[in-house]
Every structure is written in C-alpha cells, then in structure tokens.
C-alpha cells in the first residue's frame, strides 16, 4: 500500500467530490474510515494542518471500451478532497493507514487528552 502522508496540500487543486467518512474516538486517538472504492492507494494523499486531516486523491474511470455509451452514472470520478476537523491539534499524531476492500482506515494516535 502506498498512501502518501504529509504530502503537499496542493496535490489536487481542483476537487470534484467528497468521500463519505466515519470517525471514531478510540483509546489512543482517532480512527477515520473513508469509502474510497475504486481508488488506487498511490492516488491517495494525506496531510495534517493544525486540527485538520486532509485526504485528497483521484478516482479514475478505468473501464472504458470503444463505442460505449453512458446509460446511468452514479459513481463520482475525478479528484476528491475531504477535510476533517478534530477538537485538538494533530501535528504530533502518529499516523498509520490501511487500505482494505475499498476502505481507507487512518489511525491518528495522539497523546492522551483526558476525555472526548
């Protein structure tokens, strides 16, 4: 898996869609799950700015056949960006990721905060 962490915030300057996310408070910090089905892990970029986790990337429409015509289009392609704000700064958080079955899991391990 190759998710780029702390990459340039301007990796994808024009973003078209936002992936849905679930955010969990866990004992060591935070767990963020993003629905990124069909996105190659090398096209995902993460960065931290203060209290914000920024996830950017690109989903490509890679199945294109000669002569095909669109009947229905419900899947968002092109550049995406999701900015998630947390109640505390994340700049010293330890970030680990796992990309599994189209879901990106991001663990942000922070110092104990003494509550949610």
PDB file of N, CA and C in Angstrom:
ATOM      1  N   UNK A   1       0.831  -1.172   0.000  1.00  0.00           N
ATOM      2  CA  UNK A   1       0.000   0.000   0.000  1.00  0.00           C
ATOM      3  C   UNK A   1       0.876   1.236   0.000  1.00  0.00           C
ATOM      4  N   UNK A   2       0.505   2.224  -0.779  1.00  0.00           N
ATOM      5  CA  UNK A   2       1.290   3.446  -0.861  1.00  0.00           C
ATOM      6  C   UNK A   2       0.368   4.647  -0.721  1.00  0.00           C
ATOM      7  N   UNK A   3       0.039   4.998   0.496  1.00  0.00           N
ATOM      8  CA  UNK A   3      -0.703   6.220   0.762  1.00  0.00           C
ATOM      9  C   UNK A   3       0.333   7.253   1.176  1.00  0.00           C
ATOM     10  N   UNK A   4       0.389   8.370   0.473  1.00  0.00           N
ATOM     11  CA  UNK A   4       1.383   9.394   0.765  1.00  0.00           C
ATOM     12  C   UNK A   4       0.917  10.236   1.940  1.00  0.00           C
ATOM     13  N   UNK A   5       1.734  10.288   2.979  1.00  0.00           N
ATOM     14  CA  UNK A   5       1.403  11.034   4.183  1.00  0.00           C
ATOM     15  C   UNK A   5       2.230  12.300   4.220  1.00  0.00           C
ATOM     16  N   UNK A   6       1.604  13.395   4.657  1.00  0.00           N
ATOM     17  CA  UNK A   6       2.231  14.711   4.741  1.00  0.00           C
ATOM     18  C   UNK A   6       2.689  15.200   3.372  1.00  0.00           C
ATOM     19  N   UNK A   7       1.938  14.855   2.361  1.00  0.00           N
ATOM     20  CA  UNK A   7       2.262  15.348   1.034  1.00  0.00           C
ATOM     21  C   UNK A   7       1.716  16.758   0.867  1.00  0.00           C
ATOM     22  N   UNK A   8       2.016  17.358  -0.222  1.00  0.00           N
ATOM     23  CA  UNK A   8       1.568  18.727  -0.478  1.00  0.00           C
ATOM     24  C   UNK A   8       0.048  18.812  -0.452  1.00  0.00           C
ATOM     25  N   UNK A   9      -0.452  19.844   0.192  1.00  0.00           N
ATOM     26  CA  UNK A   9      -1.893  20.068   0.222  1.00  0.00           C
ATOM     27  C   UNK A   9      -2.428  20.384  -1.165  1.00  0.00           C
ATOM     28  N   UNK A  10      -1.556  20.787  -2.055  1.00  0.00           N
ATOM     29  CA  UNK A  10      -1.987  21.182  -3.396  1.00  0.00           C
ATOM     30  C   UNK A  10      -1.815  20.065  -4.407  1.00  0.00           C
ATOM     31  N   UNK A  11      -1.796  18.822  -3.921  1.00  0.00           N
ATOM     32  CA  UNK A  11      -1.612  17.706  -4.838  1.00  0.00           C
ATOM     33  C   UNK A  11      -2.713  17.666  -5.895  1.00  0.00           C
ATOM     34  N   UNK A  12      -3.933  17.987  -5.486  1.00  0.00           N
ATOM     35  CA  UNK A  12      -5.070  18.007  -6.400  1.00  0.00           C
ATOM     36  C   UNK A  12      -5.817  19.307  -6.175  1.00  0.00           C
ATOM     37  N   UNK A  13      -5.433  20.380  -6.852  1.00  0.00           N
ATOM     38  CA  UNK A  13      -6.008  21.700  -6.542  1.00  0.00           C
ATOM     39  C   UNK A  13      -7.504  21.830  -6.810  1.00  0.00           C
ATOM     40  N   UNK A  14      -8.050  21.170  -7.804  1.00  0.00           N
ATOM     41  CA  UNK A  14      -9.478  21.278  -8.081  1.00  0.00           C
ATOM     42  C   UNK A  14     -10.143  19.960  -7.737  1.00  0.00           C
ATOM     43  N   UNK A  15     -10.973  19.973  -6.699  1.00  0.00           N
ATOM     44  CA  UNK A  15     -11.588  18.741  -6.239  1.00  0.00           C
ATOM     45  C   UNK A  15     -13.071  18.746  -6.549  1.00  0.00           C
ATOM     46  N   UNK A  16     -13.558  17.611  -6.994  1.00  0.00           N
ATOM     47  CA  UNK A  16     -14.907  17.493  -7.502  1.00  0.00           C
ATOM     48  C   UNK A  16     -15.864  16.888  -6.482  1.00  0.00           C
ATOM     49  N   UNK A  17     -15.432  15.908  -5.701  1.00  0.00           N
ATOM     50  CA  UNK A  17     -16.344  15.198  -4.806  1.00  0.00           C
ATOM     51  C   UNK A  17     -15.683  14.938  -3.458  1.00  0.00           C
ATOM     52  N   UNK A  18     -16.506  14.568  -2.472  1.00  0.00           N
ATOM     53  CA  UNK A  18     -16.017  14.276  -1.127  1.00  0.00           C
ATOM     54  C   UNK A  18     -16.425  12.854  -0.752  1.00  0.00           C
ATOM     55  N   UNK A  19     -15.466  12.019  -0.366  1.00  0.00           N
ATOM     56  CA  UNK A  19     -15.838  10.664   0.039  1.00  0.00           C
ATOM     57  C   UNK A  19     -16.508  10.679   1.416  1.00  0.00           C
ATOM     58  N   UNK A  20     -17.478   9.789   1.646  1.00  0.00           N
ATOM     59  CA  UNK A  20     -18.087   9.691   2.975  1.00  0.00           C
ATOM     60  C   UNK A  20     -17.082   9.132   3.979  1.00  0.00           C
ATOM     61  N   UNK A  21     -17.210   9.562   5.238  1.00  0.00           N
ATOM     62  CA  UNK A  21     -16.259   9.142   6.274  1.00  0.00           C
ATOM     63  C   UNK A  21     -16.994   8.830   7.568  1.00  0.00           C
ATOM     64  N   UNK A  22     -16.484   7.848   8.288  1.00  0.00           N
ATOM     65  CA  UNK A  22     -16.900   7.560   9.660  1.00  0.00           C
ATOM     66  C   UNK A  22     -15.709   7.890  10.545  1.00  0.00           C
ATOM     67  N   UNK A  23     -15.974   8.531  11.679  1.00  0.00           N
ATOM     68  CA  UNK A  23     -14.902   8.950  12.584  1.00  0.00           C
ATOM     69  C   UNK A  23     -15.192   8.377  13.969  1.00  0.00           C
ATOM     70  N   UNK A  24     -14.192   7.698  14.535  1.00  0.00           N
ATOM     71  CA  UNK A  24     -14.346   7.066  15.835  1.00  0.00           C
ATOM     72  C   UNK A  24     -13.307   7.627  16.796  1.00  0.00           C
ATOM     73  N   UNK A  25     -13.709   7.877  18.015  1.00  0.00           N
ATOM     74  CA  UNK A  25     -12.754   8.185  19.090  1.00  0.00           C
ATOM     75  C   UNK A  25     -12.326   6.852  19.658  1.00  0.00           C
ATOM     76  N   UNK A  26     -11.034   6.604  19.694  1.00  0.00           N
ATOM     77  CA  UNK A  26     -10.517   5.364  20.240  1.00  0.00           C
ATOM     78  C   UNK A  26      -9.582   5.693  21.394  1.00  0.00           C
ATOM     79  N   UNK A  27      -9.161   4.692  22.110  1.00  0.00           N
ATOM     80  CA  UNK A  27      -8.351   4.906  23.309  1.00  0.00           C
ATOM     81  C   UNK A  27      -7.071   5.679  23.020  1.00  0.00           C
ATOM     82  N   UNK A  28      -6.419   5.402  21.874  1.00  0.00           N
ATOM     83  CA  UNK A  28      -5.144   6.055  21.559  1.00  0.00           C
ATOM     84  C   UNK A  28      -5.304   7.318  20.726  1.00  0.00           C
ATOM     85  N   UNK A  29      -6.519   7.677  20.326  1.00  0.00           N
ATOM     86  CA  UNK A  29      -6.704   8.861  19.488  1.00  0.00           C
ATOM     87  C   UNK A  29      -7.961   8.771  18.653  1.00  0.00           C
ATOM     88  N   UNK A  30      -7.777   8.626  17.335  1.00  0.00           N
ATOM     89  CA  UNK A  30      -8.904   8.636  16.406  1.00  0.00           C
ATOM     90  C   UNK A  30      -8.724   7.563  15.343  1.00  0.00           C
ATOM     91  N   UNK A  31      -9.852   7.072  14.853  1.00  0.00           N
ATOM     92  CA  UNK A  31      -9.871   6.182  13.697  1.00  0.00           C
ATOM     93  C   UNK A  31     -10.834   6.795  12.688  1.00  0.00           C
ATOM     94  N   UNK A  32     -10.353   6.990  11.473  1.00  0.00           N
ATOM     95  CA  UNK A  32     -11.169   7.542  10.391  1.00  0.00           C
ATOM     96  C   UNK A  32     -11.280   6.478   9.307  1.00  0.00           C
ATOM     97  N   UNK A  33     -12.507   6.215   8.866  1.00  0.00           N
ATOM     98  CA  UNK A  33     -12.740   5.274   7.761  1.00  0.00           C
ATOM     99  C   UNK A  33     -13.345   6.048   6.612  1.00  0.00           C
ATOM    100  N   UNK A  34     -12.746   5.902   5.454  1.00  0.00           N
ATOM    101  CA  UNK A  34     -13.264   6.571   4.259  1.00  0.00           C
ATOM    102  C   UNK A  34     -13.630   5.545   3.211  1.00  0.00           C
ATOM    103  N   UNK A  35     -14.763   5.759   2.568  1.00  0.00           N
ATOM    104  CA  UNK A  35     -15.216   4.899   1.480  1.00  0.00           C
ATOM    105  C   UNK A  35     -14.539   5.366   0.198  1.00  0.00           C
ATOM    106  N   UNK A  36     -13.514   4.630  -0.222  1.00  0.00           N
ATOM    107  CA  UNK A  36     -12.743   5.012  -1.408  1.00  0.00           C
ATOM    108  C   UNK A  36     -12.653   3.845  -2.387  1.00  0.00           C
ATOM    109  N   UNK A  37     -13.761   3.174  -2.578  1.00  0.00           N
ATOM    110  CA  UNK A  37     -13.785   2.046  -3.519  1.00  0.00           C
ATOM    111  C   UNK A  37     -13.336   2.507  -4.900  1.00  0.00           C
ATOM    112  N   UNK A  38     -12.466   1.729  -5.498  1.00  0.00           N
ATOM    113  CA  UNK A  38     -12.005   2.023  -6.851  1.00  0.00           C
ATOM    114  C   UNK A  38     -10.875   3.021  -6.943  1.00  0.00           C
ATOM    115  N   UNK A  39     -10.404   3.526  -5.788  1.00  0.00           N
ATOM    116  CA  UNK A  39      -9.296   4.486  -5.792  1.00  0.00           C
ATOM    117  C   UNK A  39      -8.000   3.715  -5.534  1.00  0.00           C
ATOM    118  N   UNK A  40      -7.014   3.921  -6.395  1.00  0.00           N
ATOM    119  CA  UNK A  40      -5.724   3.271  -6.191  1.00  0.00           C
ATOM    120  C   UNK A  40      -5.030   3.904  -4.994  1.00  0.00           C
ATOM    121  N   UNK A  41      -4.394   3.102  -4.163  1.00  0.00           N
ATOM    122  CA  UNK A  41      -3.763   3.642  -2.957  1.00  0.00           C
ATOM    123  C   UNK A  41      -2.699   4.679  -3.288  1.00  0.00           C
ATOM    124  N   UNK A  42      -2.010   4.521  -4.427  1.00  0.00           N
ATOM    125  CA  UNK A  42      -0.986   5.504  -4.791  1.00  0.00           C
ATOM    126  C   UNK A  42      -1.581   6.839  -5.227  1.00  0.00           C
ATOM    127  N   UNK A  43      -2.883   6.903  -5.404  1.00  0.00           N
ATOM    128  CA  UNK A  43      -3.558   8.158  -5.757  1.00  0.00           C
ATOM    129  C   UNK A  43      -4.176   8.842  -4.544  1.00  0.00           C
ATOM    130  N   UNK A  44      -3.854   8.382  -3.336  1.00  0.00           N
ATOM    131  CA  UNK A  44      -4.390   8.963  -2.106  1.00  0.00           C
ATOM    132  C   UNK A  44      -3.267   9.707  -1.394  1.00  0.00           C
ATOM    133  N   UNK A  45      -3.547  10.934  -0.960  1.00  0.00           N
ATOM    134  CA  UNK A  45      -2.564  11.772  -0.282  1.00  0.00           C
ATOM    135  C   UNK A  45      -3.169  12.292   1.020  1.00  0.00           C
ATOM    136  N   UNK A  46      -2.408  12.171   2.106  1.00  0.00           N
ATOM    137  CA  UNK A  46      -2.858  12.654   3.415  1.00  0.00           C
ATOM    138  C   UNK A  46      -1.950  13.767   3.878  1.00  0.00           C
ATOM    139  N   UNK A  47      -2.524  14.725   4.592  1.00  0.00           N
ATOM    140  CA  UNK A  47      -1.716  15.746   5.252  1.00  0.00           C
ATOM    141  C   UNK A  47      -2.450  16.224   6.499  1.00  0.00           C
ATOM    142  N   UNK A  48      -1.679  16.809   7.403  1.00  0.00           N
ATOM    143  CA  UNK A  48      -2.209  17.357   8.655  1.00  0.00           C
ATOM    144  C   UNK A  48      -1.896  18.842   8.662  1.00  0.00           C
ATOM    145  N   UNK A  49      -2.903  19.637   9.013  1.00  0.00           N
ATOM    146  CA  UNK A  49      -2.702  21.074   9.198  1.00  0.00           C
ATOM    147  C   UNK A  49      -3.449  21.472  10.459  1.00  0.00           C
ATOM    148  N   UNK A  50      -2.720  21.638  11.541  1.00  0.00           N
ATOM    149  CA  UNK A  50      -3.352  22.013  12.813  1.00  0.00           C
ATOM    150  C   UNK A  50      -4.333  20.964  13.282  1.00  0.00           C
ATOM    151  N   UNK A  51      -5.614  21.310  13.314  1.00  0.00           N
ATOM    152  CA  UNK A  51      -6.666  20.404  13.749  1.00  0.00           C
ATOM    153  C   UNK A  51      -7.325  19.669  12.586  1.00  0.00           C
ATOM    154  N   UNK A  52      -6.763  19.790  11.401  1.00  0.00           N
ATOM    155  CA  UNK A  52      -7.409  19.243  10.214  1.00  0.00           C
ATOM    156  C   UNK A  52      -6.621  18.087   9.601  1.00  0.00           C
ATOM    157  N   UNK A  53      -7.347  17.026   9.300  1.00  0.00           N
ATOM    158  CA  UNK A  53      -6.827  15.926   8.496  1.00  0.00           C
ATOM    159  C   UNK A  53      -7.354  16.141   7.089  1.00  0.00           C
ATOM    160  N   UNK A  54      -6.449  16.169   6.122  1.00  0.00           N
ATOM    161  CA  UNK A  54      -6.833  16.430   4.736  1.00  0.00           C
ATOM    162  C   UNK A  54      -6.517  15.186   3.911  1.00  0.00           C
ATOM    163  N   UNK A  55      -7.541  14.676   3.269  1.00  0.00           N
ATOM    164  CA  UNK A  55      -7.382  13.499   2.421  1.00  0.00           C
ATOM    165  C   UNK A  55      -7.752  13.926   1.001  1.00  0.00           C
ATOM    166  N   UNK A  56      -6.824  13.725   0.076  1.00  0.00           N
ATOM    167  CA  UNK A  56      -7.048  14.093  -1.319  1.00  0.00           C
ATOM    168  C   UNK A  56      -6.694  12.924  -2.216  1.00  0.00           C
ATOM    169  N   UNK A  57      -7.247  12.927  -3.389  1.00  0.00           N
ATOM    170  CA  UNK A  57      -6.896  11.863  -4.307  1.00  0.00           C
ATOM    171  C   UNK A  57      -7.648  11.949  -5.609  1.00  0.00           C
ATOM    172  N   UNK A  58      -7.641  10.815  -6.280  1.00  0.00           N
ATOM    173  CA  UNK A  58      -8.209  10.747  -7.622  1.00  0.00           C
ATOM    174  C   UNK A  58      -8.800   9.360  -7.843  1.00  0.00           C
ATOM    175  N   UNK A  59     -10.057   9.321  -8.265  1.00  0.00           N
ATOM    176  CA  UNK A  59     -10.648   8.049  -8.697  1.00  0.00           C
ATOM    177  C   UNK A  59     -10.793   8.113 -10.206  1.00  0.00           C
ATOM    178  N   UNK A  60     -10.194   7.145 -10.868  1.00  0.00           N
ATOM    179  CA  UNK A  60     -10.195   7.110 -12.330  1.00  0.00           C
ATOM    180  C   UNK A  60     -11.275   6.162 -12.839  1.00  0.00           C
ATOM    181  N   UNK A  61     -11.880   6.536 -13.931  1.00  0.00           N
ATOM    182  CA  UNK A  61     -12.825   5.646 -14.609  1.00  0.00           C
ATOM    183  C   UNK A  61     -11.995   4.812 -15.578  1.00  0.00           C
ATOM    184  N   UNK A  62     -11.521   3.685 -15.098  1.00  0.00           N
ATOM    185  CA  UNK A  62     -10.538   2.916 -15.860  1.00  0.00           C
ATOM    186  C   UNK A  62     -11.154   1.855 -16.755  1.00  0.00           C
ATOM    187  N   UNK A  63     -12.478   1.691 -16.694  1.00  0.00           N
ATOM    188  CA  UNK A  63     -13.100   0.733 -17.605  1.00  0.00           C
ATOM    189  C   UNK A  63     -13.822   1.529 -18.685  1.00  0.00           C
ATOM    190  N   UNK A  64     -13.148   1.686 -19.785  1.00  0.00           N
ATOM    191  CA  UNK A  64     -13.700   2.425 -20.912  1.00  0.00           C
ATOM    192  C   UNK A  64     -13.477   1.569 -22.151  1.00  0.00           C
ATOM    193  N   UNK A  65     -14.554   1.255 -22.821  1.00  0.00           N
ATOM    194  CA  UNK A  65     -14.452   0.442 -24.024  1.00  0.00           C
ATOM    195  C   UNK A  65     -14.855   1.278 -25.230  1.00  0.00           C
ATOM    196  N   UNK A  66     -14.283   0.951 -26.345  1.00  0.00           N
ATOM    197  CA  UNK A  66     -14.602   1.676 -27.574  1.00  0.00           C
ATOM    198  C   UNK A  66     -16.097   1.563 -27.865  1.00  0.00           C
ATOM    199  N   UNK A  67     -16.725   2.679 -28.157  1.00  0.00           N
ATOM    200  CA  UNK A  67     -18.123   2.693 -28.533  1.00  0.00           C
ATOM    201  C   UNK A  67     -19.110   2.645 -27.373  1.00  0.00           C
ATOM    202  N   UNK A  68     -18.640   2.597 -26.130  1.00  0.00           N
ATOM    203  CA  UNK A  68     -19.581   2.532 -25.001  1.00  0.00           C
ATOM    204  C   UNK A  68     -20.322   3.850 -24.840  1.00  0.00           C
ATOM    205  N   UNK A  69     -21.560   3.739 -24.369  1.00  0.00           N
ATOM    206  CA  UNK A  69     -22.382   4.919 -24.111  1.00  0.00           C
ATOM    207  C   UNK A  69     -22.880   4.842 -22.677  1.00  0.00           C
ATOM    208  N   UNK A  70     -23.025   5.974 -22.040  1.00  0.00           N
ATOM    209  CA  UNK A  70     -23.487   6.001 -20.661  1.00  0.00           C
ATOM    210  C   UNK A  70     -24.993   5.786 -20.603  1.00  0.00           C
ATOM    211  N   UNK A  71     -25.429   4.882 -19.777  1.00  0.00           N
ATOM    212  CA  UNK A  71     -26.846   4.657 -19.513  1.00  0.00           C
ATOM    213  C   UNK A  71     -27.224   5.280 -18.183  1.00  0.00           C
ATOM    214  N   UNK A  72     -26.364   5.094 -17.169  1.00  0.00           N
ATOM    215  CA  UNK A  72     -26.565   5.680 -15.852  1.00  0.00           C
ATOM    216  C   UNK A  72     -25.202   5.909 -15.220  1.00  0.00           C
ATOM    217  N   UNK A  73     -24.992   7.050 -14.617  1.00  0.00           N
ATOM    218  CA  UNK A  73     -23.703   7.370 -13.975  1.00  0.00           C
ATOM    219  C   UNK A  73     -23.981   7.844 -12.563  1.00  0.00           C
ATOM    220  N   UNK A  74     -23.668   7.034 -11.558  1.00  0.00           N
ATOM    221  CA  UNK A  74     -23.882   7.405 -10.157  1.00  0.00           C
ATOM    222  C   UNK A  74     -22.585   7.456  -9.376  1.00  0.00           C
ATOM    223  N   UNK A  75     -21.502   6.955  -9.907  1.00  0.00           N
ATOM    224  CA  UNK A  75     -20.225   6.925  -9.210  1.00  0.00           C
ATOM    225  C   UNK A  75     -19.442   8.178  -9.558  1.00  0.00           C
ATOM    226  N   UNK A  76     -18.920   8.855  -8.514  1.00  0.00           N
ATOM    227  CA  UNK A  76     -18.126  10.067  -8.728  1.00  0.00           C
ATOM    228  C   UNK A  76     -16.698   9.683  -9.107  1.00  0.00           C
ATOM    229  N   UNK A  77     -16.219  10.258 -10.181  1.00  0.00           N
ATOM    230  CA  UNK A  77     -14.827  10.081 -10.598  1.00  0.00           C
ATOM    231  C   UNK A  77     -14.140  11.439 -10.554  1.00  0.00           C
ATOM    232  N   UNK A  78     -12.873  11.442 -10.759  1.00  0.00           N
ATOM    233  CA  UNK A  78     -12.063  12.650 -10.808  1.00  0.00           C
ATOM    234  C   UNK A  78     -11.475  12.926  -9.421  1.00  0.00           C
ATOM    235  N   UNK A  79     -11.065  14.132  -9.186  1.00  0.00           N
ATOM    236  CA  UNK A  79     -10.374  14.500  -7.956  1.00  0.00           C
ATOM    237  C   UNK A  79     -11.354  14.613  -6.798  1.00  0.00           C
ATOM    238  N   UNK A  80     -10.875  14.226  -5.604  1.00  0.00           N
ATOM    239  CA  UNK A  80     -11.681  14.385  -4.397  1.00  0.00           C
ATOM    240  C   UNK A  80     -10.838  15.013  -3.303  1.00  0.00           C
ATOM    241  N   UNK A  81     -11.540  15.568  -2.345  1.00  0.00           N
ATOM    242  CA  UNK A  81     -10.870  16.141  -1.164  1.00  0.00           C
ATOM    243  C   UNK A  81     -11.836  16.089  -0.004  1.00  0.00           C
ATOM    244  N   UNK A  82     -11.326  15.663   1.139  1.00  0.00           N
ATOM    245  CA  UNK A  82     -12.129  15.654   2.353  1.00  0.00           C
ATOM    246  C   UNK A  82     -11.270  16.250   3.459  1.00  0.00           C
ATOM    247  N   UNK A  83     -11.808  17.258   4.130  1.00  0.00           N
ATOM    248  CA  UNK A  83     -11.126  17.888   5.257  1.00  0.00           C
ATOM    249  C   UNK A  83     -11.941  17.586   6.505  1.00  0.00           C
ATOM    250  N   UNK A  84     -11.305  16.971   7.492  1.00  0.00           N
ATOM    251  CA  UNK A  84     -11.978  16.614   8.741  1.00  0.00           C
ATOM    252  C   UNK A  84     -11.332  17.398   9.869  1.00  0.00           C
ATOM    253  N   UNK A  85     -12.157  18.128  10.613  1.00  0.00           N
ATOM    254  CA  UNK A  85     -11.650  18.916  11.739  1.00  0.00           C
ATOM    255  C   UNK A  85     -11.815  18.134  13.037  1.00  0.00           C
ATOM    256  N   UNK A  86     -10.774  18.154  13.853  1.00  0.00           N
ATOM    257  CA  UNK A  86     -10.789  17.484  15.151  1.00  0.00           C
ATOM    258  C   UNK A  86     -10.716  18.534  16.256  1.00  0.00           C
ATOM    259  N   UNK A  87     -11.096  18.179  17.479  1.00  0.00           N
ATOM    260  CA  UNK A  87     -11.083  19.167  18.572  1.00  0.00           C
ATOM    261  C   UNK A  87      -9.686  19.492  19.100  1.00  0.00           C
ATOM    262  N   UNK A  88      -8.674  18.763  18.667  1.00  0.00           N
ATOM    263  CA  UNK A  88      -7.315  19.027  19.137  1.00  0.00           C
ATOM    264  C   UNK A  88      -6.335  19.008  17.957  1.00  0.00           C
ATOM    265  N   UNK A  89      -5.163  19.598  18.146  1.00  0.00           N
ATOM    266  CA  UNK A  89      -4.143  19.609  17.099  1.00  0.00           C
ATOM    267  C   UNK A  89      -3.627  18.195  16.845  1.00  0.00           C
ATOM    268  N   UNK A  90      -3.294  17.941  15.607  1.00  0.00           N
ATOM    269  CA  UNK A  90      -2.871  16.596  15.207  1.00  0.00           C
ATOM    270  C   UNK A  90      -1.428  16.565  14.720  1.00  0.00           C
ATOM    271  N   UNK A  91      -0.743  17.685  14.778  1.00  0.00           N
ATOM    272  CA  UNK A  91       0.577  17.754  14.160  1.00  0.00           C
ATOM    273  C   UNK A  91       1.588  16.784  14.747  1.00  0.00           C
ATOM    274  N   UNK A  92       1.394  16.340  15.970  1.00  0.00           N
ATOM    275  CA  UNK A  92       2.314  15.365  16.562  1.00  0.00           C
ATOM    276  C   UNK A  92       1.703  13.959  16.596  1.00  0.00           C
ATOM    277  N   UNK A  93       0.585  13.791  15.946  1.00  0.00           N
ATOM    278  CA  UNK A  93      -0.069  12.480  15.920  1.00  0.00           C
ATOM    279  C   UNK A  93       0.748  11.500  15.078  1.00  0.00           C
ATOM    280  N   UNK A  94       0.756  10.262  15.513  1.00  0.00           N
ATOM    281  CA  UNK A  94       1.385   9.193  14.722  1.00  0.00           C
ATOM    282  C   UNK A  94       0.313   8.626  13.800  1.00  0.00           C
ATOM    283  N   UNK A  95       0.580   8.630  12.519  1.00  0.00           N
ATOM    284  CA  UNK A  95      -0.420   8.226  11.523  1.00  0.00           C
ATOM    285  C   UNK A  95      -0.061   6.861  10.961  1.00  0.00           C
ATOM    286  N   UNK A  96      -1.024   5.979  10.971  1.00  0.00           N
ATOM    287  CA  UNK A  96      -0.876   4.706  10.269  1.00  0.00           C
ATOM    288  C   UNK A  96      -2.118   4.509   9.405  1.00  0.00           C
ATOM    289  N   UNK A  97      -1.942   3.827   8.301  1.00  0.00           N
ATOM    290  CA  UNK A  97      -3.069   3.626   7.380  1.00  0.00           C
ATOM    291  C   UNK A  97      -3.140   2.178   6.937  1.00  0.00           C
ATOM    292  N   UNK A  98      -4.329   1.810   6.530  1.00  0.00           N
ATOM    293  CA  UNK A  98      -4.537   0.500   5.912  1.00  0.00           C
ATOM    294  C   UNK A  98      -5.632   0.682   4.878  1.00  0.00           C
ATOM    295  N   UNK A  99      -5.419   0.151   3.708  1.00  0.00           N
ATOM    296  CA  UNK A  99      -6.409   0.231   2.639  1.00  0.00           C
ATOM    297  C   UNK A  99      -6.917  -1.173   2.396  1.00  0.00           C
ATOM    298  N   UNK A 100      -8.198  -1.382   2.737  1.00  0.00           N
ATOM    299  CA  UNK A 100      -8.738  -2.728   2.716  1.00  0.00           C
ATOM    300  C   UNK A 100     -10.121  -2.731   2.060  1.00  0.00           C
ATOM    301  N   UNK A 101     -10.282  -3.495   1.008  1.00  0.00           N
ATOM    302  CA  UNK A 101     -11.581  -3.674   0.355  1.00  0.00           C
ATOM    303  C   UNK A 101     -12.257  -2.341   0.016  1.00  0.00           C
ATOM    304  N   UNK A 102     -11.488  -1.392  -0.459  1.00  0.00           N
ATOM    305  CA  UNK A 102     -12.049  -0.109  -0.855  1.00  0.00           C
ATOM    306  C   UNK A 102     -12.261   0.874   0.269  1.00  0.00           C
ATOM    307  N   UNK A 103     -11.870   0.496   1.488  1.00  0.00           N
ATOM    308  CA  UNK A 103     -11.986   1.391   2.640  1.00  0.00           C
ATOM    309  C   UNK A 103     -10.579   1.800   3.076  1.00  0.00           C
ATOM    310  N   UNK A 104     -10.383   3.096   3.265  1.00  0.00           N
ATOM    311  CA  UNK A 104      -9.126   3.596   3.821  1.00  0.00           C
ATOM    312  C   UNK A 104      -9.323   3.803   5.311  1.00  0.00           C
ATOM    313  N   UNK A 105      -8.493   3.137   6.096  1.00  0.00           N
ATOM    314  CA  UNK A 105      -8.521   3.267   7.552  1.00  0.00           C
ATOM    315  C   UNK A 105      -7.320   4.100   7.960  1.00  0.00           C
ATOM    316  N   UNK A 106      -7.565   5.156   8.739  1.00  0.00           N
ATOM    317  CA  UNK A 106      -6.497   6.050   9.182  1.00  0.00           C
ATOM    318  C   UNK A 106      -6.540   6.109  10.701  1.00  0.00           C
ATOM    319  N   UNK A 107      -5.462   5.662  11.332  1.00  0.00           N
ATOM    320  CA  UNK A 107      -5.349   5.774  12.783  1.00  0.00           C
ATOM    321  C   UNK A 107      -4.481   6.988  13.100  1.00  0.00           C
ATOM    322  N   UNK A 108      -5.001   7.864  13.936  1.00  0.00           N
ATOM    323  CA  UNK A 108      -4.273   9.044  14.387  1.00  0.00           C
ATOM    324  C   UNK A 108      -4.028   8.855  15.871  1.00  0.00           C
ATOM    325  N   UNK A 109      -2.832   8.429  16.199  1.00  0.00           N
ATOM    326  CA  UNK A 109      -2.521   8.172  17.607  1.00  0.00           C
ATOM    327  C   UNK A 109      -1.948   9.436  18.217  1.00  0.00           C
ATOM    328  N   UNK A 110      -2.665   9.954  19.208  1.00  0.00           N
ATOM    329  CA  UNK A 110      -2.289  11.206  19.865  1.00  0.00           C
ATOM    330  C   UNK A 110      -1.999  10.953  21.329  1.00  0.00           C
ATOM    331  N   UNK A 111      -1.470  11.954  21.988  1.00  0.00           N
ATOM    332  CA  UNK A 111      -1.253  11.843  23.433  1.00  0.00           C
ATOM    333  C   UNK A 111      -2.608  11.806  24.116  1.00  0.00           C
ATOM    334  N   UNK A 112      -2.689  11.142  25.256  1.00  0.00           N
ATOM    335  CA  UNK A 112      -3.980  11.099  25.961  1.00  0.00           C
ATOM    336  C   UNK A 112      -4.504  12.505  26.237  1.00  0.00           C
ATOM    337  N   UNK A 113      -5.811  12.708  25.980  1.00  0.00           N
ATOM    338  CA  UNK A 113      -6.429  14.023  26.146  1.00  0.00           C
ATOM    339  C   UNK A 113      -7.289  14.121  27.386  1.00  0.00           C
ATOM    340  N   UNK A 114      -7.607  12.997  28.023  1.00  0.00           N
ATOM    341  CA  UNK A 114      -8.437  13.034  29.223  1.00  0.00           C
ATOM    342  C   UNK A 114      -9.912  13.229  28.929  1.00  0.00           C
ATOM    343  N   UNK A 115     -10.387  12.711  27.846  1.00  0.00           N
ATOM    344  CA  UNK A 115     -11.816  12.790  27.537  1.00  0.00           C
ATOM    345  C   UNK A 115     -12.048  12.982  26.064  1.00  0.00           C
ATOM    346  N   UNK A 116     -13.308  12.917  25.629  1.00  0.00           N
ATOM    347  CA  UNK A 116     -13.677  13.048  24.223  1.00  0.00           C
ATOM    348  C   UNK A 116     -13.896  14.493  23.876  1.00  0.00           C
TER     349      UNK A 116
END
